């Protein structure tokens, strides 16, 4: 079973990496890009088991280590 975690900065938190990417895209001639937000993507391979329990376990991992919940949001997807 595989867990996919998307971690992004919360709305209102400054994103200097996103701004740098946005400016670079404009400098390369890519028009029409209004905003860029940069984040993290993590995949975790889990032992087979219950998808509900796996999601709860991965959410606990995010709360304790993977995400800084003061400034970041996260979303967990579980594939059987």
PDB file of N, CA and C in Angstrom:
ATOM      1  N   UNK A   1       0.847  -1.162   0.000  1.00  0.00           N
ATOM      2  CA  UNK A   1       0.000   0.000   0.000  1.00  0.00           C
ATOM      3  C   UNK A   1       0.902   1.237   0.000  1.00  0.00           C
ATOM      4  N   UNK A   2       0.518   2.253  -0.781  1.00  0.00           N
ATOM      5  CA  UNK A   2       1.340   3.446  -0.921  1.00  0.00           C
ATOM      6  C   UNK A   2       0.581   4.662  -0.414  1.00  0.00           C
ATOM      7  N   UNK A   3       1.282   5.497   0.345  1.00  0.00           N
ATOM      8  CA  UNK A   3       0.727   6.768   0.810  1.00  0.00           C
ATOM      9  C   UNK A   3       1.409   7.890   0.039  1.00  0.00           C
ATOM     10  N   UNK A   4       0.606   8.835  -0.423  1.00  0.00           N
ATOM     11  CA  UNK A   4       1.124  10.026  -1.094  1.00  0.00           C
ATOM     12  C   UNK A   4       0.730  11.240  -0.256  1.00  0.00           C
ATOM     13  N   UNK A   5       1.711  12.075   0.040  1.00  0.00           N
ATOM     14  CA  UNK A   5       1.477  13.225   0.904  1.00  0.00           C
ATOM     15  C   UNK A   5       1.868  14.485   0.141  1.00  0.00           C
ATOM     16  N   UNK A   6       0.936  15.418   0.051  1.00  0.00           N
ATOM     17  CA  UNK A   6       1.183  16.721  -0.557  1.00  0.00           C
ATOM     18  C   UNK A   6       1.225  17.742   0.574  1.00  0.00           C
ATOM     19  N   UNK A   7       2.339  18.456   0.688  1.00  0.00           N
ATOM     20  CA  UNK A   7       2.511  19.447   1.740  1.00  0.00           C
ATOM     21  C   UNK A   7       2.686  20.810   1.072  1.00  0.00           C
ATOM     22  N   UNK A   8       1.857  21.773   1.475  1.00  0.00           N
ATOM     23  CA  UNK A   8       1.915  23.113   0.912  1.00  0.00           C
ATOM     24  C   UNK A   8       1.878  24.142   2.030  1.00  0.00           C
ATOM     25  N   UNK A   9       2.394  25.322   1.730  1.00  0.00           N
ATOM     26  CA  UNK A   9       2.313  26.403   2.700  1.00  0.00           C
ATOM     27  C   UNK A   9       0.861  26.857   2.834  1.00  0.00           C
ATOM     28  N   UNK A  10       0.473  27.219   4.038  1.00  0.00           N
ATOM     29  CA  UNK A  10      -0.875  27.726   4.269  1.00  0.00           C
ATOM     30  C   UNK A  10      -1.040  29.053   3.546  1.00  0.00           C
ATOM     31  N   UNK A  11      -2.290  29.369   3.193  1.00  0.00           N
ATOM     32  CA  UNK A  11      -2.586  30.668   2.587  1.00  0.00           C
ATOM     33  C   UNK A  11      -2.146  31.774   3.537  1.00  0.00           C
ATOM     34  N   UNK A  12      -1.565  32.806   2.997  1.00  0.00           N
ATOM     35  CA  UNK A  12      -1.099  33.927   3.806  1.00  0.00           C
ATOM     36  C   UNK A  12       0.353  33.816   4.237  1.00  0.00           C
ATOM     37  N   UNK A  13       0.953  32.622   4.103  1.00  0.00           N
ATOM     38  CA  UNK A  13       2.364  32.447   4.442  1.00  0.00           C
ATOM     39  C   UNK A  13       3.192  32.794   3.213  1.00  0.00           C
ATOM     40  N   UNK A  14       4.178  33.654   3.391  1.00  0.00           N
ATOM     41  CA  UNK A  14       5.025  34.046   2.270  1.00  0.00           C
ATOM     42  C   UNK A  14       5.757  32.835   1.701  1.00  0.00           C
ATOM     43  N   UNK A  15       5.873  32.799   0.382  1.00  0.00           N
ATOM     44  CA  UNK A  15       6.505  31.681  -0.320  1.00  0.00           C
ATOM     45  C   UNK A  15       7.633  32.214  -1.212  1.00  0.00           C
ATOM     46  N   UNK A  16       8.810  32.476  -0.634  1.00  0.00           N
ATOM     47  CA  UNK A  16       9.898  33.036  -1.443  1.00  0.00           C
ATOM     48  C   UNK A  16      10.347  32.124  -2.585  1.00  0.00           C
ATOM     49  N   UNK A  17      10.299  30.809  -2.392  1.00  0.00           N
ATOM     50  CA  UNK A  17      10.674  29.900  -3.483  1.00  0.00           C
ATOM     51  C   UNK A  17       9.670  29.998  -4.621  1.00  0.00           C
ATOM     52  N   UNK A  18       8.395  30.068  -4.280  1.00  0.00           N
ATOM     53  CA  UNK A  18       7.365  30.223  -5.302  1.00  0.00           C
ATOM     54  C   UNK A  18       7.546  31.507  -6.090  1.00  0.00           C
ATOM     55  N   UNK A  19       7.888  32.601  -5.384  1.00  0.00           N
ATOM     56  CA  UNK A  19       8.133  33.887  -6.055  1.00  0.00           C
ATOM     57  C   UNK A  19       9.338  33.787  -6.991  1.00  0.00           C
ATOM     58  N   UNK A  20      10.403  33.122  -6.545  1.00  0.00           N
ATOM     59  CA  UNK A  20      11.599  32.968  -7.382  1.00  0.00           C
ATOM     60  C   UNK A  20      11.287  32.147  -8.637  1.00  0.00           C
ATOM     61  N   UNK A  21      10.503  31.090  -8.478  1.00  0.00           N
ATOM     62  CA  UNK A  21      10.104  30.273  -9.631  1.00  0.00           C
ATOM     63  C   UNK A  21       9.271  31.111 -10.593  1.00  0.00           C
ATOM     64  N   UNK A  22       8.330  31.877 -10.042  1.00  0.00           N
ATOM     65  CA  UNK A  22       7.463  32.731 -10.861  1.00  0.00           C
ATOM     66  C   UNK A  22       8.294  33.721 -11.668  1.00  0.00           C
ATOM     67  N   UNK A  23       9.231  34.389 -11.028  1.00  0.00           N
ATOM     68  CA  UNK A  23      10.078  35.364 -11.721  1.00  0.00           C
ATOM     69  C   UNK A  23      10.935  34.685 -12.794  1.00  0.00           C
ATOM     70  N   UNK A  24      11.438  33.494 -12.500  1.00  0.00           N
ATOM     71  CA  UNK A  24      12.245  32.761 -13.478  1.00  0.00           C
ATOM     72  C   UNK A  24      11.422  32.357 -14.690  1.00  0.00           C
ATOM     73  N   UNK A  25      10.197  31.920 -14.459  1.00  0.00           N
ATOM     74  CA  UNK A  25       9.324  31.559 -15.576  1.00  0.00           C
ATOM     75  C   UNK A  25       9.046  32.766 -16.466  1.00  0.00           C
ATOM     76  N   UNK A  26       8.786  33.913 -15.815  1.00  0.00           N
ATOM     77  CA  UNK A  26       8.570  35.140 -16.607  1.00  0.00           C
ATOM     78  C   UNK A  26       9.823  35.496 -17.400  1.00  0.00           C
ATOM     79  N   UNK A  27      10.993  35.350 -16.766  1.00  0.00           N
ATOM     80  CA  UNK A  27      12.250  35.652 -17.437  1.00  0.00           C
ATOM     81  C   UNK A  27      12.517  34.742 -18.624  1.00  0.00           C
ATOM     82  N   UNK A  28      11.977  33.527 -18.582  1.00  0.00           N
ATOM     83  CA  UNK A  28      12.142  32.583 -19.693  1.00  0.00           C
ATOM     84  C   UNK A  28      11.086  32.764 -20.777  1.00  0.00           C
ATOM     85  N   UNK A  29      10.186  33.740 -20.547  1.00  0.00           N
ATOM     86  CA  UNK A  29       9.187  34.034 -21.570  1.00  0.00           C
ATOM     87  C   UNK A  29       7.857  33.319 -21.403  1.00  0.00           C
ATOM     88  N   UNK A  30       7.634  32.672 -20.279  1.00  0.00           N
ATOM     89  CA  UNK A  30       6.348  32.002 -20.047  1.00  0.00           C
ATOM     90  C   UNK A  30       5.356  33.026 -19.507  1.00  0.00           C
ATOM     91  N   UNK A  31       4.472  33.491 -20.391  1.00  0.00           N
ATOM     92  CA  UNK A  31       3.471  34.481 -20.020  1.00  0.00           C
ATOM     93  C   UNK A  31       2.225  33.797 -19.461  1.00  0.00           C
ATOM     94  N   UNK A  32       1.436  34.557 -18.735  1.00  0.00           N
ATOM     95  CA  UNK A  32       0.157  34.060 -18.252  1.00  0.00           C
ATOM     96  C   UNK A  32       0.228  33.287 -16.947  1.00  0.00           C
ATOM     97  N   UNK A  33       1.385  33.249 -16.306  1.00  0.00           N
ATOM     98  CA  UNK A  33       1.499  32.589 -14.997  1.00  0.00           C
ATOM     99  C   UNK A  33       1.229  33.656 -13.937  1.00  0.00           C
ATOM    100  N   UNK A  34       0.126  33.532 -13.234  1.00  0.00           N
ATOM    101  CA  UNK A  34      -0.261  34.549 -12.258  1.00  0.00           C
ATOM    102  C   UNK A  34       0.435  34.383 -10.914  1.00  0.00           C
ATOM    103  N   UNK A  35       0.615  33.152 -10.471  1.00  0.00           N
ATOM    104  CA  UNK A  35       1.206  32.917  -9.155  1.00  0.00           C
ATOM    105  C   UNK A  35       1.775  31.503  -9.126  1.00  0.00           C
ATOM    106  N   UNK A  36       2.778  31.289  -8.291  1.00  0.00           N
ATOM    107  CA  UNK A  36       3.378  29.966  -8.105  1.00  0.00           C
ATOM    108  C   UNK A  36       3.506  29.720  -6.610  1.00  0.00           C
ATOM    109  N   UNK A  37       3.046  28.564  -6.163  1.00  0.00           N
ATOM    110  CA  UNK A  37       3.227  28.124  -4.786  1.00  0.00           C
ATOM    111  C   UNK A  37       4.014  26.833  -4.847  1.00  0.00           C
ATOM    112  N   UNK A  38       5.078  26.749  -4.086  1.00  0.00           N
ATOM    113  CA  UNK A  38       5.954  25.588  -4.097  1.00  0.00           C
ATOM    114  C   UNK A  38       5.630  24.747  -2.869  1.00  0.00           C
ATOM    115  N   UNK A  39       5.746  23.434  -2.991  1.00  0.00           N
ATOM    116  CA  UNK A  39       5.466  22.549  -1.862  1.00  0.00           C
ATOM    117  C   UNK A  39       6.344  21.307  -1.901  1.00  0.00           C
ATOM    118  N   UNK A  40       5.936  20.302  -1.134  1.00  0.00           N
ATOM    119  CA  UNK A  40       6.675  19.034  -1.062  1.00  0.00           C
ATOM    120  C   UNK A  40       5.726  17.887  -1.403  1.00  0.00           C
ATOM    121  N   UNK A  41       6.285  16.830  -1.960  1.00  0.00           N
ATOM    122  CA  UNK A  41       5.539  15.613  -2.252  1.00  0.00           C
ATOM    123  C   UNK A  41       6.331  14.448  -1.689  1.00  0.00           C
ATOM    124  N   UNK A  42       5.696  13.638  -0.869  1.00  0.00           N
ATOM    125  CA  UNK A  42       6.370  12.502  -0.230  1.00  0.00           C
ATOM    126  C   UNK A  42       5.556  11.241  -0.518  1.00  0.00           C
ATOM    127  N   UNK A  43       6.234  10.157  -0.898  1.00  0.00           N
ATOM    128  CA  UNK A  43       5.600   8.847  -1.046  1.00  0.00           C
ATOM    129  C   UNK A  43       6.174   7.912   0.003  1.00  0.00           C
ATOM    130  N   UNK A  44       5.288   7.179   0.645  1.00  0.00           N
ATOM    131  CA  UNK A  44       5.700   6.205   1.654  1.00  0.00           C
ATOM    132  C   UNK A  44       5.069   4.864   1.310  1.00  0.00           C
ATOM    133  N   UNK A  45       5.886   3.824   1.232  1.00  0.00           N
ATOM    134  CA  UNK A  45       5.390   2.466   1.007  1.00  0.00           C
ATOM    135  C   UNK A  45       5.076   1.856   2.372  1.00  0.00           C
ATOM    136  N   UNK A  46       3.838   1.407   2.541  1.00  0.00           N
ATOM    137  CA  UNK A  46       3.378   0.843   3.812  1.00  0.00           C
ATOM    138  C   UNK A  46       3.105  -0.641   3.664  1.00  0.00           C
ATOM    139  N   UNK A  47       3.225  -1.361   4.768  1.00  0.00           N
ATOM    140  CA  UNK A  47       2.831  -2.776   4.773  1.00  0.00           C
ATOM    141  C   UNK A  47       1.333  -2.842   4.484  1.00  0.00           C
ATOM    142  N   UNK A  48       0.913  -3.900   3.797  1.00  0.00           N
ATOM    143  CA  UNK A  48      -0.507  -4.058   3.500  1.00  0.00           C
ATOM    144  C   UNK A  48      -1.317  -4.003   4.788  1.00  0.00           C
ATOM    145  N   UNK A  49      -2.477  -3.409   4.685  1.00  0.00           N
ATOM    146  CA  UNK A  49      -3.344  -3.307   5.851  1.00  0.00           C
ATOM    147  C   UNK A  49      -4.588  -2.521   5.517  1.00  0.00           C
ATOM    148  N   UNK A  50      -5.228  -2.036   6.539  1.00  0.00           N
ATOM    149  CA  UNK A  50      -6.466  -1.282   6.420  1.00  0.00           C
ATOM    150  C   UNK A  50      -6.164   0.144   5.959  1.00  0.00           C
ATOM    151  N   UNK A  51      -6.836   0.597   4.893  1.00  0.00           N
ATOM    152  CA  UNK A  51      -6.584   1.919   4.329  1.00  0.00           C
ATOM    153  C   UNK A  51      -6.923   3.024   5.327  1.00  0.00           C
ATOM    154  N   UNK A  52      -7.977   2.854   6.091  1.00  0.00           N
ATOM    155  CA  UNK A  52      -8.374   3.868   7.079  1.00  0.00           C
ATOM    156  C   UNK A  52      -7.308   3.996   8.164  1.00  0.00           C
ATOM    157  N   UNK A  53      -6.821   2.865   8.648  1.00  0.00           N
ATOM    158  CA  UNK A  53      -5.772   2.879   9.677  1.00  0.00           C
ATOM    159  C   UNK A  53      -4.471   3.458   9.108  1.00  0.00           C
ATOM    160  N   UNK A  54      -4.171   3.130   7.846  1.00  0.00           N
ATOM    161  CA  UNK A  54      -2.959   3.642   7.216  1.00  0.00           C
ATOM    162  C   UNK A  54      -3.022   5.163   7.087  1.00  0.00           C
ATOM    163  N   UNK A  55      -4.186   5.687   6.700  1.00  0.00           N
ATOM    164  CA  UNK A  55      -4.331   7.139   6.563  1.00  0.00           C
ATOM    165  C   UNK A  55      -4.152   7.822   7.911  1.00  0.00           C
ATOM    166  N   UNK A  56      -4.710   7.233   8.961  1.00  0.00           N
ATOM    167  CA  UNK A  56      -4.549   7.794  10.303  1.00  0.00           C
ATOM    168  C   UNK A  56      -3.087   7.776  10.735  1.00  0.00           C
ATOM    169  N   UNK A  57      -2.391   6.686  10.419  1.00  0.00           N
ATOM    170  CA  UNK A  57      -0.975   6.560  10.790  1.00  0.00           C
ATOM    171  C   UNK A  57      -0.125   7.591  10.050  1.00  0.00           C
ATOM    172  N   UNK A  58      -0.376   7.775   8.752  1.00  0.00           N
ATOM    173  CA  UNK A  58       0.385   8.736   7.964  1.00  0.00           C
ATOM    174  C   UNK A  58       0.062  10.165   8.411  1.00  0.00           C
ATOM    175  N   UNK A  59      -1.175  10.427   8.753  1.00  0.00           N
ATOM    176  CA  UNK A  59      -1.537  11.744   9.279  1.00  0.00           C
ATOM    177  C   UNK A  59      -0.785  12.035  10.568  1.00  0.00           C
ATOM    178  N   UNK A  60      -0.626  11.022  11.410  1.00  0.00           N
ATOM    179  CA  UNK A  60       0.153  11.178  12.644  1.00  0.00           C
ATOM    180  C   UNK A  60       1.619  11.475  12.317  1.00  0.00           C
ATOM    181  N   UNK A  61       2.158  10.810  11.279  1.00  0.00           N
ATOM    182  CA  UNK A  61       3.533  11.075  10.837  1.00  0.00           C
ATOM    183  C   UNK A  61       3.677  12.538  10.416  1.00  0.00           C
ATOM    184  N   UNK A  62       2.672  13.026   9.693  1.00  0.00           N
ATOM    185  CA  UNK A  62       2.699  14.420   9.241  1.00  0.00           C
ATOM    186  C   UNK A  62       2.668  15.376  10.426  1.00  0.00           C
ATOM    187  N   UNK A  63       1.818  15.104  11.380  1.00  0.00           N
ATOM    188  CA  UNK A  63       1.679  15.972  12.556  1.00  0.00           C
ATOM    189  C   UNK A  63       2.970  16.006  13.379  1.00  0.00           C
ATOM    190  N   UNK A  64       3.663  14.869  13.455  1.00  0.00           N
ATOM    191  CA  UNK A  64       4.840  14.780  14.314  1.00  0.00           C
ATOM    192  C   UNK A  64       6.157  15.131  13.622  1.00  0.00           C
ATOM    193  N   UNK A  65       6.244  14.913  12.292  1.00  0.00           N
ATOM    194  CA  UNK A  65       7.544  15.075  11.640  1.00  0.00           C
ATOM    195  C   UNK A  65       7.492  15.689  10.245  1.00  0.00           C
ATOM    196  N   UNK A  66       6.649  15.191   9.391  1.00  0.00           N
ATOM    197  CA  UNK A  66       6.743  15.502   7.968  1.00  0.00           C
ATOM    198  C   UNK A  66       6.308  16.917   7.601  1.00  0.00           C
ATOM    199  N   UNK A  67       5.357  17.478   8.324  1.00  0.00           N
ATOM    200  CA  UNK A  67       4.856  18.817   8.015  1.00  0.00           C
ATOM    201  C   UNK A  67       5.016  19.727   9.224  1.00  0.00           C
ATOM    202  N   UNK A  68       5.311  20.972   8.966  1.00  0.00           N
ATOM    203  CA  UNK A  68       5.316  21.990  10.016  1.00  0.00           C
ATOM    204  C   UNK A  68       3.903  22.566  10.036  1.00  0.00           C
ATOM    205  N   UNK A  69       3.055  22.029  10.897  1.00  0.00           N
ATOM    206  CA  UNK A  69       1.634  22.362  10.864  1.00  0.00           C
ATOM    207  C   UNK A  69       1.325  23.799  11.273  1.00  0.00           C
ATOM    208  N   UNK A  70       2.310  24.524  11.749  1.00  0.00           N
ATOM    209  CA  UNK A  70       2.106  25.943  12.046  1.00  0.00           C
ATOM    210  C   UNK A  70       1.966  26.727  10.743  1.00  0.00           C
ATOM    211  N   UNK A  71       2.771  26.372   9.727  1.00  0.00           N
ATOM    212  CA  UNK A  71       2.753  27.119   8.473  1.00  0.00           C
ATOM    213  C   UNK A  71       2.390  26.273   7.255  1.00  0.00           C
ATOM    214  N   UNK A  72       2.221  24.954   7.424  1.00  0.00           N
ATOM    215  CA  UNK A  72       1.949  24.074   6.283  1.00  0.00           C
ATOM    216  C   UNK A  72       0.660  23.283   6.473  1.00  0.00           C
ATOM    217  N   UNK A  73      -0.006  23.044   5.353  1.00  0.00           N
ATOM    218  CA  UNK A  73      -1.139  22.118   5.284  1.00  0.00           C
ATOM    219  C   UNK A  73      -0.658  20.853   4.596  1.00  0.00           C
ATOM    220  N   UNK A  74      -1.355  19.750   4.827  1.00  0.00           N
ATOM    221  CA  UNK A  74      -1.009  18.512   4.130  1.00  0.00           C
ATOM    222  C   UNK A  74      -2.272  17.757   3.756  1.00  0.00           C
ATOM    223  N   UNK A  75      -2.135  16.944   2.703  1.00  0.00           N
ATOM    224  CA  UNK A  75      -3.216  16.074   2.253  1.00  0.00           C
ATOM    225  C   UNK A  75      -2.631  14.695   2.024  1.00  0.00           C
ATOM    226  N   UNK A  76      -3.341  13.668   2.493  1.00  0.00           N
ATOM    227  CA  UNK A  76      -2.870  12.294   2.406  1.00  0.00           C
ATOM    228  C   UNK A  76      -3.774  11.503   1.471  1.00  0.00           C
ATOM    229  N   UNK A  77      -3.166  10.767   0.537  1.00  0.00           N
ATOM    230  CA  UNK A  77      -3.880   9.832  -0.338  1.00  0.00           C
ATOM    231  C   UNK A  77      -3.320   8.439  -0.089  1.00  0.00           C
ATOM    232  N   UNK A  78      -4.192   7.455   0.010  1.00  0.00           N
ATOM    233  CA  UNK A  78      -3.772   6.060   0.193  1.00  0.00           C
ATOM    234  C   UNK A  78      -4.212   5.255  -1.026  1.00  0.00           C
ATOM    235  N   UNK A  79      -3.264   4.558  -1.655  1.00  0.00           N
ATOM    236  CA  UNK A  79      -3.566   3.639  -2.764  1.00  0.00           C
ATOM    237  C   UNK A  79      -3.402   2.213  -2.255  1.00  0.00           C
ATOM    238  N   UNK A  80      -4.417   1.431  -2.467  1.00  0.00           N
ATOM    239  CA  UNK A  80      -4.343   0.015  -2.051  1.00  0.00           C
ATOM    240  C   UNK A  80      -3.466  -0.789  -2.976  1.00  0.00           C
TER     241      UNK A  80
END
